[in-house]
Amino acid sequence: RVGKATPATVLLPDPVKFPELEKTRGAIADAERALTDLLPALRQKIIDNCAGGGGKPPKKGSLQLTPRLTYTSLRQGSSQVEHLIELPDTLPGIPTTWIRVSTNKSKKVVRYHPPEVLDAAATLERSRERHSAACAAAWRGFLRDDAAGAFLELRAAVRAAAGLDALGS
């Protein structure tokens, strides 16, 4: 669960009081943007491979045959694999460096992990983990600095809310 969105990580606290959270949230946005920016270059690699490489112009119609790339996710057991490139199994020109992750015979597609995407996805995961750690540190700091003096009042409020919840159910 490290690096995944939790209620603590999706809250938008005061950026003046918690500047580290703004930095880590910005790092996540940058990593996601980098992954999105890779898609046109990956599509161009397929087109170049269809043309035979070497700077030759692409074959007529190869641009139309190459689909617009998007990322997909795949659930395998209890884990989820993100940022896969899903392509038709009949599409020529797939770079040999791309790692084939799975084949879906019913949809006639193959899912790949290009090395560039693996690097960018690792950067995104590190950014998410740093943000999660920063959120935990900010929460501990909030409890230590802001909530410590009001512990009795906060405990009474929680007990009152729990009592109302019990009455309502």
C-alpha atoms as a PDB file:
ATOM      1  CA  ARG A   1       0.000   0.000   0.000  1.00  0.00           C
ATOM      2  CA  VAL A   2       3.035   2.259   0.078  1.00  0.00           C
ATOM      3  CA  GLY A   3       2.733   5.054  -2.464  1.00  0.00           C
ATOM      4  CA  LYS A   4      -0.977   4.537  -3.119  1.00  0.00           C
ATOM      5  CA  ALA A   5      -3.568   7.260  -2.618  1.00  0.00           C
ATOM      6  CA  THR A   6      -5.029   7.297   0.877  1.00  0.00           C
ATOM      7  CA  PRO A   7      -7.275   9.847   2.554  1.00  0.00           C
ATOM      8  CA  ALA A   8      -4.167  11.433   4.098  1.00  0.00           C
ATOM      9  CA  THR A   9      -2.368  11.779   0.752  1.00  0.00           C
ATOM     10  CA  VAL A  10      -5.259  13.219  -1.251  1.00  0.00           C
ATOM     11  CA  LEU A  11      -6.114  16.000   1.185  1.00  0.00           C
ATOM     12  CA  LEU A  12      -4.971  19.474   0.189  1.00  0.00           C
ATOM     13  CA  PRO A  13      -3.402  20.965   3.305  1.00  0.00           C
ATOM     14  CA  ASP A  14      -2.157  24.511   3.646  1.00  0.00           C
ATOM     15  CA  PRO A  15       0.835  24.869   1.257  1.00  0.00           C
ATOM     16  CA  VAL A  16       2.432  27.484   3.520  1.00  0.00           C
ATOM     17  CA  LYS A  17       2.340  25.208   6.560  1.00  0.00           C
ATOM     18  CA  PHE A  18       3.289  22.037   4.657  1.00  0.00           C
ATOM     19  CA  PRO A  19       5.593  23.054   1.764  1.00  0.00           C
ATOM     20  CA  GLU A  20       7.125  19.588   1.511  1.00  0.00           C
ATOM     21  CA  LEU A  21       3.746  18.169   0.501  1.00  0.00           C
ATOM     22  CA  GLU A  22       3.513  20.689  -2.333  1.00  0.00           C
ATOM     23  CA  LYS A  23       6.969  19.645  -3.565  1.00  0.00           C
ATOM     24  CA  THR A  24       6.134  15.956  -3.524  1.00  0.00           C
ATOM     25  CA  ARG A  25       2.735  16.544  -5.153  1.00  0.00           C
ATOM     26  CA  GLY A  26       4.523  18.519  -7.883  1.00  0.00           C
ATOM     27  CA  ALA A  27       7.020  15.678  -8.358  1.00  0.00           C
ATOM     28  CA  ILE A  28       4.127  13.253  -8.914  1.00  0.00           C
ATOM     29  CA  ALA A  29       2.563  15.585 -11.483  1.00  0.00           C
ATOM     30  CA  ASP A  30       5.926  15.919 -13.267  1.00  0.00           C
ATOM     31  CA  ALA A  31       6.391  12.139 -13.366  1.00  0.00           C
ATOM     32  CA  GLU A  32       2.870  11.625 -14.742  1.00  0.00           C
ATOM     33  CA  ARG A  33       3.491  14.304 -17.374  1.00  0.00           C
ATOM     34  CA  ALA A  34       6.754  12.603 -18.370  1.00  0.00           C
ATOM     35  CA  LEU A  35       4.885   9.323 -18.912  1.00  0.00           C
ATOM     36  CA  THR A  36       2.279  11.056 -21.069  1.00  0.00           C
ATOM     37  CA  ASP A  37       4.973  12.855 -23.059  1.00  0.00           C
ATOM     38  CA  LEU A  38       6.573   9.505 -23.954  1.00  0.00           C
ATOM     39  CA  LEU A  39       3.578   8.294 -25.973  1.00  0.00           C
ATOM     40  CA  PRO A  40       4.222  10.241 -29.221  1.00  0.00           C
ATOM     41  CA  ALA A  41       7.881   9.156 -29.271  1.00  0.00           C
ATOM     42  CA  LEU A  42       6.898   5.520 -28.719  1.00  0.00           C
ATOM     43  CA  ARG A  43       4.384   5.711 -31.569  1.00  0.00           C
ATOM     44  CA  GLN A  44       7.070   7.193 -33.807  1.00  0.00           C
ATOM     45  CA  LYS A  45       9.361   4.262 -32.958  1.00  0.00           C
ATOM     46  CA  ILE A  46       6.716   1.849 -34.210  1.00  0.00           C
ATOM     47  CA  ILE A  47       6.275   3.867 -37.406  1.00  0.00           C
ATOM     48  CA  ASP A  48      10.042   3.990 -37.956  1.00  0.00           C
ATOM     49  CA  ASN A  49      10.322   0.232 -37.417  1.00  0.00           C
ATOM     50  CA  CYS A  50       7.502  -0.356 -39.909  1.00  0.00           C
ATOM     51  CA  ALA A  51       9.488   1.678 -42.428  1.00  0.00           C
ATOM     52  CA  GLY A  52      12.548  -0.428 -41.823  1.00  0.00           C
ATOM     53  CA  GLY A  53      14.481   2.199 -39.858  1.00  0.00           C
ATOM     54  CA  GLY A  54      17.507   3.917 -41.280  1.00  0.00           C
ATOM     55  CA  GLY A  55      15.702   7.211 -41.890  1.00  0.00           C
ATOM     56  CA  LYS A  56      13.621   5.860 -44.778  1.00  0.00           C
ATOM     57  CA  PRO A  57      10.219   7.436 -45.228  1.00  0.00           C
ATOM     58  CA  PRO A  58       7.399   5.387 -43.747  1.00  0.00           C
ATOM     59  CA  LYS A  59       5.457   3.025 -45.956  1.00  0.00           C
ATOM     60  CA  LYS A  60       2.286   4.443 -47.376  1.00  0.00           C
ATOM     61  CA  GLY A  61      -0.499   3.975 -44.861  1.00  0.00           C
ATOM     62  CA  SER A  62       1.755   2.880 -41.977  1.00  0.00           C
ATOM     63  CA  LEU A  63       0.881   6.025 -40.043  1.00  0.00           C
ATOM     64  CA  GLN A  64      -2.815   5.193 -40.338  1.00  0.00           C
ATOM     65  CA  LEU A  65      -2.184   1.573 -39.288  1.00  0.00           C
ATOM     66  CA  THR A  66      -0.365   2.621 -36.136  1.00  0.00           C
ATOM     67  CA  PRO A  67      -2.956   3.338 -33.457  1.00  0.00           C
ATOM     68  CA  ARG A  68      -2.805   6.266 -31.080  1.00  0.00           C
ATOM     69  CA  LEU A  69      -1.074   4.941 -27.985  1.00  0.00           C
ATOM     70  CA  THR A  70      -2.560   5.025 -24.508  1.00  0.00           C
ATOM     71  CA  TYR A  71      -1.655   3.324 -21.275  1.00  0.00           C
ATOM     72  CA  THR A  72      -3.640   0.437 -19.885  1.00  0.00           C
ATOM     73  CA  SER A  73      -3.483  -1.439 -16.601  1.00  0.00           C
ATOM     74  CA  LEU A  74      -3.631  -5.162 -16.041  1.00  0.00           C
ATOM     75  CA  ARG A  75      -4.661  -6.941 -12.875  1.00  0.00           C
ATOM     76  CA  GLN A  76      -2.695 -10.139 -12.279  1.00  0.00           C
ATOM     77  CA  GLY A  77      -3.842 -11.887  -9.138  1.00  0.00           C
ATOM     78  CA  SER A  78      -3.491  -9.471  -6.247  1.00  0.00           C
ATOM     79  CA  SER A  79      -1.132  -7.102  -8.056  1.00  0.00           C
ATOM     80  CA  GLN A  80      -1.776  -4.521 -10.729  1.00  0.00           C
ATOM     81  CA  VAL A  81       0.595  -3.742 -13.598  1.00  0.00           C
ATOM     82  CA  GLU A  82       0.285  -0.158 -14.809  1.00  0.00           C
ATOM     83  CA  HIS A  83       1.442   1.767 -17.878  1.00  0.00           C
ATOM     84  CA  LEU A  84       1.229  -0.995 -20.449  1.00  0.00           C
ATOM     85  CA  ILE A  85       1.079  -0.259 -24.154  1.00  0.00           C
ATOM     86  CA  GLU A  86      -1.692  -2.336 -25.755  1.00  0.00           C
ATOM     87  CA  LEU A  87      -1.335  -3.014 -29.483  1.00  0.00           C
ATOM     88  CA  PRO A  88      -3.009  -5.296 -32.023  1.00  0.00           C
ATOM     89  CA  ASP A  89      -1.167  -8.598 -32.349  1.00  0.00           C
ATOM     90  CA  THR A  90      -0.959  -8.120 -36.124  1.00  0.00           C
ATOM     91  CA  LEU A  91       0.799  -4.746 -35.944  1.00  0.00           C
ATOM     92  CA  PRO A  92       4.291  -4.909 -37.467  1.00  0.00           C
ATOM     93  CA  GLY A  93       7.257  -2.885 -36.290  1.00  0.00           C
ATOM     94  CA  ILE A  94       7.187  -3.496 -32.549  1.00  0.00           C
ATOM     95  CA  PRO A  95      10.716  -2.725 -31.238  1.00  0.00           C
ATOM     96  CA  THR A  96      12.555  -5.799 -30.007  1.00  0.00           C
ATOM     97  CA  THR A  97      13.514  -4.031 -26.770  1.00  0.00           C
ATOM     98  CA  TRP A  98       9.882  -3.831 -25.666  1.00  0.00           C
ATOM     99  CA  ILE A  99       8.991  -6.443 -23.059  1.00  0.00           C
ATOM    100  CA  ARG A 100       5.902  -8.499 -23.894  1.00  0.00           C
ATOM    101  CA  VAL A 101       3.800  -8.676 -20.742  1.00  0.00           C
ATOM    102  CA  SER A 102       0.699 -10.552 -21.862  1.00  0.00           C
ATOM    103  CA  THR A 103      -1.372 -11.649 -24.787  1.00  0.00           C
ATOM    104  CA  ASN A 104      -5.154 -11.482 -24.829  1.00  0.00           C
ATOM    105  CA  LYS A 105      -6.305 -13.923 -27.489  1.00  0.00           C
ATOM    106  CA  SER A 106      -9.979 -12.951 -27.233  1.00  0.00           C
ATOM    107  CA  LYS A 107      -9.215  -9.302 -28.023  1.00  0.00           C
ATOM    108  CA  LYS A 108      -6.262 -10.074 -30.311  1.00  0.00           C
ATOM    109  CA  VAL A 109      -4.009  -7.616 -28.504  1.00  0.00           C
ATOM    110  CA  VAL A 110      -0.574  -7.788 -26.951  1.00  0.00           C
ATOM    111  CA  ARG A 111       0.557  -5.647 -24.027  1.00  0.00           C
ATOM    112  CA  TYR A 112       4.104  -4.327 -23.842  1.00  0.00           C
ATOM    113  CA  HIS A 113       6.375  -2.505 -21.418  1.00  0.00           C
ATOM    114  CA  PRO A 114       8.889  -0.349 -23.290  1.00  0.00           C
ATOM    115  CA  PRO A 115      12.127   0.286 -21.330  1.00  0.00           C
ATOM    116  CA  GLU A 116      11.507   4.052 -21.372  1.00  0.00           C
ATOM    117  CA  VAL A 117       8.114   3.546 -19.775  1.00  0.00           C
ATOM    118  CA  LEU A 118       9.573   1.252 -17.112  1.00  0.00           C
ATOM    119  CA  ASP A 119      12.081   3.966 -16.154  1.00  0.00           C
ATOM    120  CA  ALA A 120       9.419   6.690 -16.073  1.00  0.00           C
ATOM    121  CA  ALA A 121       7.010   4.460 -14.114  1.00  0.00           C
ATOM    122  CA  ALA A 122       9.736   3.757 -11.553  1.00  0.00           C
ATOM    123  CA  THR A 123      10.233   7.508 -11.167  1.00  0.00           C
ATOM    124  CA  LEU A 124       6.483   7.938 -10.660  1.00  0.00           C
ATOM    125  CA  GLU A 125       6.401   5.182  -8.033  1.00  0.00           C
ATOM    126  CA  ARG A 126       9.329   6.749  -6.163  1.00  0.00           C
ATOM    127  CA  SER A 127       7.532  10.105  -6.238  1.00  0.00           C
ATOM    128  CA  ARG A 128       4.381   8.503  -4.856  1.00  0.00           C
ATOM    129  CA  GLU A 129       6.333   6.835  -2.063  1.00  0.00           C
ATOM    130  CA  ARG A 130       8.072  10.103  -1.164  1.00  0.00           C
ATOM    131  CA  HIS A 131       4.688  11.850  -1.076  1.00  0.00           C
ATOM    132  CA  SER A 132       3.241   9.151   1.151  1.00  0.00           C
ATOM    133  CA  ALA A 133       6.200   9.461   3.539  1.00  0.00           C
ATOM    134  CA  ALA A 134       5.891  13.273   3.518  1.00  0.00           C
ATOM    135  CA  CYS A 135       2.164  12.979   4.311  1.00  0.00           C
ATOM    136  CA  ALA A 136       2.891  10.669   7.233  1.00  0.00           C
ATOM    137  CA  ALA A 137       5.548  13.064   8.544  1.00  0.00           C
ATOM    138  CA  ALA A 138       3.200  16.046   8.150  1.00  0.00           C
ATOM    139  CA  TRP A 139       0.463  14.183  10.016  1.00  0.00           C
ATOM    140  CA  ARG A 140       2.817  13.300  12.878  1.00  0.00           C
ATOM    141  CA  GLY A 141       3.972  16.929  12.990  1.00  0.00           C
ATOM    142  CA  PHE A 142       0.382  18.150  13.056  1.00  0.00           C
ATOM    143  CA  LEU A 143      -0.458  15.816  15.924  1.00  0.00           C
ATOM    144  CA  ARG A 144       2.684  16.805  17.815  1.00  0.00           C
ATOM    145  CA  ASP A 145       2.458  20.570  17.290  1.00  0.00           C
ATOM    146  CA  ASP A 146      -1.182  21.475  16.732  1.00  0.00           C
ATOM    147  CA  ALA A 147      -3.305  18.770  18.301  1.00  0.00           C
ATOM    148  CA  ALA A 148      -1.217  18.061  21.399  1.00  0.00           C
ATOM    149  CA  GLY A 149      -2.658  20.964  23.398  1.00  0.00           C
ATOM    150  CA  ALA A 150      -6.232  20.181  22.443  1.00  0.00           C
ATOM    151  CA  PHE A 151      -6.131  16.431  23.065  1.00  0.00           C
ATOM    152  CA  LEU A 152      -8.914  16.362  25.642  1.00  0.00           C
ATOM    153  CA  GLU A 153     -11.233  18.495  23.512  1.00  0.00           C
ATOM    154  CA  LEU A 154     -10.543  16.399  20.406  1.00  0.00           C
ATOM    155  CA  ARG A 155     -11.092  13.158  22.323  1.00  0.00           C
ATOM    156  CA  ALA A 156     -14.432  14.468  23.623  1.00  0.00           C
ATOM    157  CA  ALA A 157     -15.461  15.445  20.084  1.00  0.00           C
ATOM    158  CA  VAL A 158     -14.584  11.990  18.755  1.00  0.00           C
ATOM    159  CA  ARG A 159     -16.521  10.300  21.539  1.00  0.00           C
ATOM    160  CA  ALA A 160     -19.531  12.521  20.863  1.00  0.00           C
ATOM    161  CA  ALA A 161     -19.373  11.716  17.137  1.00  0.00           C
ATOM    162  CA  ALA A 162     -19.102   8.004  17.935  1.00  0.00           C
ATOM    163  CA  GLY A 163     -22.125   8.260  20.226  1.00  0.00           C
ATOM    164  CA  LEU A 164     -24.163  10.007  17.522  1.00  0.00           C
ATOM    165  CA  ASP A 165     -23.092   7.385  14.999  1.00  0.00           C
ATOM    166  CA  ALA A 166     -24.194   4.600  17.341  1.00  0.00           C
ATOM    167  CA  LEU A 167     -27.563   6.264  17.875  1.00  0.00           C
ATOM    168  CA  GLY A 168     -28.034   6.741  14.135  1.00  0.00           C
ATOM    169  CA  SER A 169     -27.414   3.088  13.250  1.00  0.00           C
END
